[in-house]
């Protein structure tokens, strides 16, 4: 059985709840370190694709075609981070 980090449950919960994990969160660092393992985990267990950018991570599904909310949320998250909020 594969071992996951202590933060595994929190990472999975946040991403499955539709949240973004944003740099410099420690969860983001954990995802970066184990990106391949998590990509496989989400694909095999939930059918989602893990997207890792330089500053954020999120899940997507081929079944969902609506993208505007995701794009706006990404823009807002990066804007808030830049403003120090």
N, C-alpha and C. Protein backbone atom coordinates (compact mmCIF):
# COMPACT_ATOMS: atom_id res chain seq x y z
N UNK A 1 0.84 -1.18 0.00
CA UNK A 1 0.00 0.00 0.00
C UNK A 1 0.88 1.25 0.00
N UNK A 2 0.52 2.21 -0.81
CA UNK A 2 1.26 3.46 -0.93
C UNK A 2 1.05 4.30 0.33
N UNK A 3 2.10 4.95 0.78
CA UNK A 3 1.96 5.84 1.94
C UNK A 3 1.87 7.28 1.45
N UNK A 4 0.97 8.03 2.06
CA UNK A 4 0.77 9.43 1.73
C UNK A 4 1.20 10.29 2.91
N UNK A 5 1.47 11.56 2.65
CA UNK A 5 1.92 12.44 3.73
C UNK A 5 0.80 12.70 4.75
N UNK A 6 1.17 13.26 5.88
CA UNK A 6 0.22 13.57 6.95
C UNK A 6 -0.90 14.49 6.43
N UNK A 7 -0.57 15.37 5.51
CA UNK A 7 -1.52 16.35 4.98
C UNK A 7 -2.47 15.77 3.94
N UNK A 8 -2.37 14.48 3.65
CA UNK A 8 -3.13 13.86 2.56
C UNK A 8 -4.63 14.14 2.66
N UNK A 9 -5.22 13.91 3.80
CA UNK A 9 -6.67 14.07 3.95
C UNK A 9 -7.07 15.53 3.68
N UNK A 10 -6.30 16.48 4.19
CA UNK A 10 -6.62 17.89 3.98
C UNK A 10 -6.48 18.28 2.50
N UNK A 11 -5.45 17.79 1.84
CA UNK A 11 -5.25 18.06 0.41
C UNK A 11 -6.43 17.52 -0.39
N UNK A 12 -6.79 16.27 -0.15
CA UNK A 12 -7.88 15.63 -0.88
C UNK A 12 -9.20 16.35 -0.61
N UNK A 13 -9.47 16.67 0.63
CA UNK A 13 -10.72 17.34 0.99
C UNK A 13 -10.82 18.70 0.30
N UNK A 14 -9.77 19.49 0.36
CA UNK A 14 -9.82 20.82 -0.24
C UNK A 14 -10.02 20.74 -1.75
N UNK A 15 -9.27 19.88 -2.41
CA UNK A 15 -9.38 19.79 -3.87
C UNK A 15 -10.73 19.22 -4.29
N UNK A 16 -11.23 18.22 -3.60
CA UNK A 16 -12.53 17.64 -3.95
C UNK A 16 -13.68 18.59 -3.63
N UNK A 17 -13.48 19.51 -2.71
CA UNK A 17 -14.49 20.53 -2.40
C UNK A 17 -14.45 21.68 -3.42
N UNK A 18 -13.56 21.58 -4.41
CA UNK A 18 -13.50 22.60 -5.45
C UNK A 18 -12.61 23.77 -5.11
N UNK A 19 -11.83 23.65 -4.06
CA UNK A 19 -10.94 24.74 -3.67
C UNK A 19 -9.62 24.65 -4.43
N UNK A 20 -8.95 25.77 -4.51
CA UNK A 20 -7.61 25.83 -5.07
C UNK A 20 -6.63 25.77 -3.91
N UNK A 21 -5.51 25.11 -4.12
CA UNK A 21 -4.42 25.15 -3.15
C UNK A 21 -3.38 26.07 -3.76
N UNK A 22 -3.08 27.14 -3.03
CA UNK A 22 -2.28 28.23 -3.57
C UNK A 22 -0.94 28.32 -2.86
N UNK A 23 0.11 28.59 -3.63
CA UNK A 23 1.43 28.87 -3.08
C UNK A 23 1.33 30.12 -2.24
N UNK A 24 1.89 30.22 -1.09
CA UNK A 24 2.93 29.43 -0.44
C UNK A 24 2.43 28.45 0.62
N UNK A 25 1.20 27.98 0.50
CA UNK A 25 0.67 27.02 1.46
C UNK A 25 1.55 25.79 1.55
N UNK A 26 1.75 25.27 2.76
CA UNK A 26 2.52 24.02 2.90
C UNK A 26 1.88 22.87 2.12
N UNK A 27 0.56 22.90 1.96
CA UNK A 27 -0.12 21.87 1.17
C UNK A 27 0.32 21.93 -0.29
N UNK A 28 0.54 23.12 -0.80
CA UNK A 28 1.00 23.28 -2.17
C UNK A 28 2.39 22.66 -2.34
N UNK A 29 3.26 22.89 -1.36
CA UNK A 29 4.61 22.32 -1.42
C UNK A 29 4.54 20.79 -1.42
N UNK A 30 3.66 20.22 -0.62
CA UNK A 30 3.49 18.78 -0.58
C UNK A 30 3.00 18.25 -1.92
N UNK A 31 2.03 18.95 -2.52
CA UNK A 31 1.54 18.55 -3.84
C UNK A 31 2.65 18.61 -4.89
N UNK A 32 3.47 19.65 -4.85
CA UNK A 32 4.57 19.77 -5.82
C UNK A 32 5.54 18.61 -5.69
N UNK A 33 5.86 18.26 -4.45
CA UNK A 33 6.83 17.19 -4.21
C UNK A 33 6.32 15.83 -4.70
N UNK A 34 5.00 15.63 -4.64
CA UNK A 34 4.42 14.34 -5.00
C UNK A 34 3.39 14.49 -6.12
N UNK A 35 3.66 15.38 -7.05
CA UNK A 35 2.70 15.68 -8.12
C UNK A 35 2.29 14.44 -8.91
N UNK A 36 3.24 13.62 -9.30
CA UNK A 36 2.91 12.43 -10.09
C UNK A 36 2.02 11.46 -9.31
N UNK A 37 2.33 11.26 -8.03
CA UNK A 37 1.52 10.36 -7.20
C UNK A 37 0.10 10.88 -7.04
N UNK A 38 -0.03 12.19 -6.79
CA UNK A 38 -1.37 12.76 -6.62
C UNK A 38 -2.14 12.79 -7.93
N UNK A 39 -1.47 13.04 -9.04
CA UNK A 39 -2.15 13.03 -10.34
C UNK A 39 -2.74 11.64 -10.59
N UNK A 40 -1.97 10.61 -10.32
CA UNK A 40 -2.45 9.24 -10.48
C UNK A 40 -3.58 8.93 -9.50
N UNK A 41 -3.42 9.36 -8.24
CA UNK A 41 -4.44 9.12 -7.22
C UNK A 41 -5.80 9.71 -7.63
N UNK A 42 -5.81 10.98 -8.04
CA UNK A 42 -7.07 11.62 -8.40
C UNK A 42 -7.67 11.05 -9.68
N UNK A 43 -6.83 10.68 -10.62
CA UNK A 43 -7.32 10.09 -11.87
C UNK A 43 -7.94 8.72 -11.61
N UNK A 44 -7.23 7.88 -10.87
CA UNK A 44 -7.69 6.51 -10.63
C UNK A 44 -8.86 6.43 -9.66
N UNK A 45 -8.84 7.22 -8.60
CA UNK A 45 -9.87 7.08 -7.57
C UNK A 45 -11.10 7.95 -7.80
N UNK A 46 -10.95 9.09 -8.50
CA UNK A 46 -12.07 10.01 -8.66
C UNK A 46 -12.34 10.41 -10.10
N UNK A 47 -11.45 10.08 -11.01
CA UNK A 47 -11.62 10.45 -12.41
C UNK A 47 -11.34 11.91 -12.71
N UNK A 48 -10.59 12.58 -11.84
CA UNK A 48 -10.26 13.99 -12.02
C UNK A 48 -8.82 14.17 -12.46
N UNK A 49 -8.57 15.26 -13.15
CA UNK A 49 -7.21 15.59 -13.55
C UNK A 49 -6.67 16.66 -12.61
N UNK A 50 -5.48 16.44 -12.09
CA UNK A 50 -4.81 17.41 -11.23
C UNK A 50 -4.04 18.39 -12.10
N UNK A 51 -4.29 19.68 -11.89
CA UNK A 51 -3.57 20.72 -12.61
C UNK A 51 -2.66 21.44 -11.62
N UNK A 52 -1.39 21.50 -11.95
CA UNK A 52 -0.41 22.19 -11.12
C UNK A 52 0.18 23.33 -11.94
N UNK A 53 0.06 24.53 -11.42
CA UNK A 53 0.66 25.71 -12.02
C UNK A 53 1.77 26.16 -11.08
N UNK A 54 2.48 27.21 -11.43
CA UNK A 54 3.55 27.71 -10.58
C UNK A 54 3.03 28.23 -9.24
N UNK A 55 1.76 28.65 -9.20
CA UNK A 55 1.23 29.26 -7.99
C UNK A 55 -0.04 28.63 -7.44
N UNK A 56 -0.63 27.67 -8.14
CA UNK A 56 -1.88 27.07 -7.65
C UNK A 56 -2.08 25.68 -8.21
N UNK A 57 -2.97 24.93 -7.53
CA UNK A 57 -3.33 23.58 -7.95
C UNK A 57 -4.84 23.44 -7.85
N UNK A 58 -5.43 22.68 -8.79
CA UNK A 58 -6.86 22.44 -8.76
C UNK A 58 -7.17 21.16 -9.55
N UNK A 59 -8.42 20.70 -9.43
CA UNK A 59 -8.87 19.51 -10.15
C UNK A 59 -9.84 19.91 -11.24
N UNK A 60 -9.89 19.10 -12.29
CA UNK A 60 -10.90 19.28 -13.34
C UNK A 60 -11.39 17.91 -13.79
N UNK A 61 -12.50 17.95 -14.50
CA UNK A 61 -13.10 16.73 -15.02
C UNK A 61 -13.43 16.93 -16.48
N UNK A 62 -13.30 15.90 -17.28
CA UNK A 62 -13.66 15.98 -18.68
C UNK A 62 -15.17 16.11 -18.86
N UNK A 63 -15.93 15.75 -17.84
CA UNK A 63 -17.39 15.81 -17.91
C UNK A 63 -17.93 17.22 -17.74
N UNK A 64 -17.15 18.12 -17.17
CA UNK A 64 -17.59 19.48 -16.92
C UNK A 64 -17.02 20.39 -18.01
N UNK A 65 -17.88 21.15 -18.66
CA UNK A 65 -17.42 22.03 -19.73
C UNK A 65 -17.43 23.50 -19.32
N UNK A 66 -18.04 23.85 -18.19
CA UNK A 66 -18.11 25.23 -17.74
C UNK A 66 -16.74 25.65 -17.21
N UNK A 67 -16.18 26.71 -17.77
CA UNK A 67 -14.83 27.12 -17.40
C UNK A 67 -14.75 28.55 -16.85
N UNK A 68 -15.80 29.35 -17.06
CA UNK A 68 -15.72 30.77 -16.66
C UNK A 68 -15.54 30.94 -15.16
N UNK A 69 -16.25 30.17 -14.36
CA UNK A 69 -16.13 30.28 -12.91
C UNK A 69 -14.71 29.94 -12.48
N UNK A 70 -14.15 28.88 -13.03
CA UNK A 70 -12.79 28.50 -12.70
C UNK A 70 -11.81 29.61 -13.07
N UNK A 71 -11.94 30.15 -14.28
CA UNK A 71 -11.04 31.19 -14.73
C UNK A 71 -11.14 32.43 -13.86
N UNK A 72 -12.36 32.82 -13.50
CA UNK A 72 -12.54 33.99 -12.64
C UNK A 72 -11.94 33.75 -11.27
N UNK A 73 -12.16 32.56 -10.72
CA UNK A 73 -11.64 32.24 -9.40
C UNK A 73 -10.12 32.25 -9.41
N UNK A 74 -9.50 31.72 -10.45
CA UNK A 74 -8.05 31.76 -10.57
C UNK A 74 -7.55 33.19 -10.62
N UNK A 75 -8.20 34.02 -11.42
CA UNK A 75 -7.83 35.42 -11.52
C UNK A 75 -7.93 36.10 -10.15
N UNK A 76 -9.04 35.87 -9.46
CA UNK A 76 -9.26 36.47 -8.15
C UNK A 76 -8.23 35.99 -7.14
N UNK A 77 -7.90 34.71 -7.15
CA UNK A 77 -6.92 34.17 -6.21
C UNK A 77 -5.54 34.79 -6.43
N UNK A 78 -5.14 34.91 -7.67
CA UNK A 78 -3.84 35.50 -7.97
C UNK A 78 -3.85 36.98 -7.63
N UNK A 79 -4.95 37.67 -7.90
CA UNK A 79 -5.06 39.09 -7.57
C UNK A 79 -4.98 39.30 -6.06
N UNK A 80 -5.69 38.50 -5.29
CA UNK A 80 -5.66 38.61 -3.83
C UNK A 80 -4.28 38.31 -3.27
N UNK A 81 -3.63 37.32 -3.83
CA UNK A 81 -2.28 36.99 -3.37
C UNK A 81 -1.32 38.13 -3.65
N UNK A 82 -1.47 38.76 -4.81
CA UNK A 82 -0.61 39.90 -5.17
C UNK A 82 -0.86 41.10 -4.29
N UNK A 83 -2.10 41.23 -3.78
CA UNK A 83 -2.44 42.35 -2.93
C UNK A 83 -2.14 42.05 -1.46
N UNK A 84 -1.70 40.84 -1.18
CA UNK A 84 -1.35 40.46 0.18
C UNK A 84 -2.54 40.14 1.06
N UNK A 85 -3.67 39.80 0.46
CA UNK A 85 -4.88 39.48 1.24
C UNK A 85 -4.92 38.03 1.64
